[in-house]
Protein backbone atom coordinates (compact mmCIF):
# COMPACT_ATOMS: atom_id res chain seq x y z
CA UNK A 1 -49.09 -0.43 -42.91
CA UNK A 2 -51.38 1.45 -40.76
CA UNK A 3 -49.74 0.10 -37.64
CA UNK A 4 -46.39 1.37 -38.83
CA UNK A 5 -47.87 4.89 -39.56
CA UNK A 6 -49.51 5.03 -35.92
CA UNK A 7 -46.14 3.63 -34.45
CA UNK A 8 -44.32 6.37 -36.35
CA UNK A 9 -46.49 9.11 -35.11
CA UNK A 10 -46.38 7.94 -31.61
CA UNK A 11 -42.64 7.99 -31.59
CA UNK A 12 -42.60 11.47 -32.99
CA UNK A 13 -45.14 12.55 -30.64
CA UNK A 14 -43.10 11.23 -27.58
CA UNK A 15 -40.04 12.73 -28.94
CA UNK A 16 -41.53 16.21 -29.38
CA UNK A 17 -42.78 15.89 -25.61
CA UNK A 18 -39.41 14.95 -24.37
CA UNK A 19 -37.71 17.70 -26.29
CA UNK A 20 -40.21 20.33 -25.04
CA UNK A 21 -39.38 19.28 -21.36
CA UNK A 22 -35.83 19.40 -21.82
CA UNK A 23 -35.95 22.82 -23.32
CA UNK A 24 -38.51 24.20 -21.06
CA UNK A 25 -36.21 24.89 -18.02
CA UNK A 26 -34.51 28.05 -18.52
CA UNK A 27 -31.39 29.90 -16.82
CA UNK A 28 -31.00 33.43 -16.76
CA UNK A 29 -28.02 35.73 -15.76
CA UNK A 30 -29.34 39.00 -14.83
CA UNK A 31 -29.01 42.07 -12.68
CA UNK A 32 -31.96 41.35 -10.52
CA UNK A 33 -35.16 39.36 -10.19
CA UNK A 34 -38.56 40.87 -9.75
CA UNK A 35 -41.33 39.59 -7.46
CA UNK A 36 -42.94 37.31 -10.20
CA UNK A 37 -39.66 35.60 -10.78
CA UNK A 38 -38.68 37.39 -13.95
CA UNK A 39 -35.27 38.61 -14.92
CA UNK A 40 -34.12 42.17 -14.64
CA UNK A 41 -31.63 43.34 -17.23
CA UNK A 42 -30.85 39.74 -18.65
CA UNK A 43 -27.56 39.49 -20.41
CA UNK A 44 -24.78 36.80 -21.47
CA UNK A 45 -21.96 39.13 -20.64
CA UNK A 46 -21.47 41.42 -17.54
CA UNK A 47 -18.73 43.98 -16.66
CA UNK A 48 -17.57 43.97 -12.98
CA UNK A 49 -15.23 46.34 -11.13
CA UNK A 50 -11.48 44.74 -10.68
CA UNK A 51 -12.42 44.14 -6.85
CA UNK A 52 -15.51 41.95 -7.77
CA UNK A 53 -19.07 42.15 -8.51
CA UNK A 54 -22.27 39.92 -8.54
CA UNK A 55 -25.08 38.90 -10.63
CA UNK A 56 -28.20 36.94 -10.24
CA UNK A 57 -28.65 33.33 -11.61
CA UNK A 58 -32.35 32.56 -12.00
CA UNK A 59 -33.77 29.22 -13.11
CA UNK A 60 -37.38 28.95 -14.29
CA UNK A 61 -39.14 25.33 -14.44
CA UNK A 62 -42.41 24.34 -15.90
CA UNK A 63 -43.16 22.19 -12.72
CA UNK A 64 -42.22 22.21 -9.01
CA UNK A 65 -38.80 21.40 -8.19
CA UNK A 66 -39.64 18.72 -5.56
CA UNK A 67 -36.41 19.05 -3.88
CA UNK A 68 -35.37 20.89 -0.82
CA UNK A 69 -31.97 21.84 -2.30
CA UNK A 70 -30.19 22.22 -5.69
CA UNK A 71 -26.57 22.86 -6.76
CA UNK A 72 -25.05 25.37 -9.18
CA UNK A 73 -21.87 23.55 -10.47
CA UNK A 74 -19.69 26.21 -11.89
CA UNK A 75 -16.78 25.97 -14.38
CA UNK A 76 -14.52 28.76 -15.45
CA UNK A 77 -12.79 28.69 -18.75
CA UNK A 78 -13.50 24.84 -18.94
CA UNK A 79 -12.08 24.24 -15.41
CA UNK A 80 -14.11 23.36 -12.32
CA UNK A 81 -14.51 26.43 -10.17
CA UNK A 82 -17.07 26.06 -7.47
CA UNK A 83 -20.26 24.40 -6.36
CA UNK A 84 -22.89 26.58 -4.74
CA UNK A 85 -25.90 25.06 -2.94
CA UNK A 86 -29.20 26.57 -2.56
CA UNK A 87 -32.05 25.60 -0.36
CA UNK A 88 -35.32 25.28 -1.92
CA UNK A 89 -38.89 24.55 -1.12
CA UNK A 90 -40.59 21.51 -3.01
CA UNK A 91 -43.26 23.58 -4.49
CA UNK A 92 -41.04 26.12 -6.11
CA UNK A 93 -41.06 26.70 -9.78
CA UNK A 94 -38.41 29.41 -9.87
CA UNK A 95 -35.49 30.28 -7.69
CA UNK A 96 -32.34 32.39 -7.72
CA UNK A 97 -29.01 33.06 -6.28
CA UNK A 98 -26.98 36.13 -6.09
CA UNK A 99 -23.49 35.16 -6.94
CA UNK A 100 -20.19 37.00 -6.24
CA UNK A 101 -17.50 36.95 -9.07
CA UNK A 102 -13.76 38.00 -8.46
CA UNK A 103 -12.19 36.70 -11.71
CA UNK A 104 -12.92 37.42 -15.47
CA UNK A 105 -13.73 34.55 -17.70
CA UNK A 106 -16.15 32.39 -19.44
CA UNK A 107 -18.40 30.64 -16.77
CA UNK A 108 -20.58 27.75 -17.23
CA UNK A 109 -23.36 26.82 -14.90
CA UNK A 110 -24.91 23.49 -14.50
CA UNK A 111 -27.90 23.22 -12.28
CA UNK A 112 -28.44 19.89 -10.55
CA UNK A 113 -31.44 18.92 -8.44
CA UNK A 114 -31.39 16.75 -5.17
CA UNK A 115 -31.46 13.51 -7.40
CA UNK A 116 -28.40 14.81 -9.21
CA UNK A 117 -30.41 15.45 -12.31
CA UNK A 118 -29.26 18.30 -14.50
CA UNK A 119 -32.18 20.70 -14.84
CA UNK A 120 -30.56 23.25 -17.00
CA UNK A 121 -27.25 24.88 -17.95
CA UNK A 122 -26.05 28.19 -19.40
CA UNK A 123 -22.86 30.35 -20.11
CA UNK A 124 -21.97 34.02 -18.99
CA UNK A 125 -19.05 36.01 -19.58
CA UNK A 126 -17.50 38.07 -16.84
CA UNK A 127 -15.41 41.15 -17.96
CA UNK A 128 -13.53 43.67 -15.74
CA UNK A 129 -14.04 47.49 -16.30
């Protein structure tokens, strides 16, 4: 009976560790990024001029990226829109990309590392003024 309790505890512990690592990677949509890698005016909805505008996509990790590039795979209203690559350094724990938008819609971002592992994902809504 004691072995069963220990095994149950270990499984629960491993699941908690796994979940905490998965949720620790964070994506932010913001108007800027400060020198410490913190988002400036973070939001999930942005209003841009009719001729386009930009925002910053910031990713923070609890570990070094260990890659020299990542990809932002972007979907607009559920359909593939674009992939944007960003060169990184292996020791970076956060990085950002300034991205221009010319169409309104609901955008979903998937951030993949150089091993094609999804680091994080997030959604942002772009509206016209």
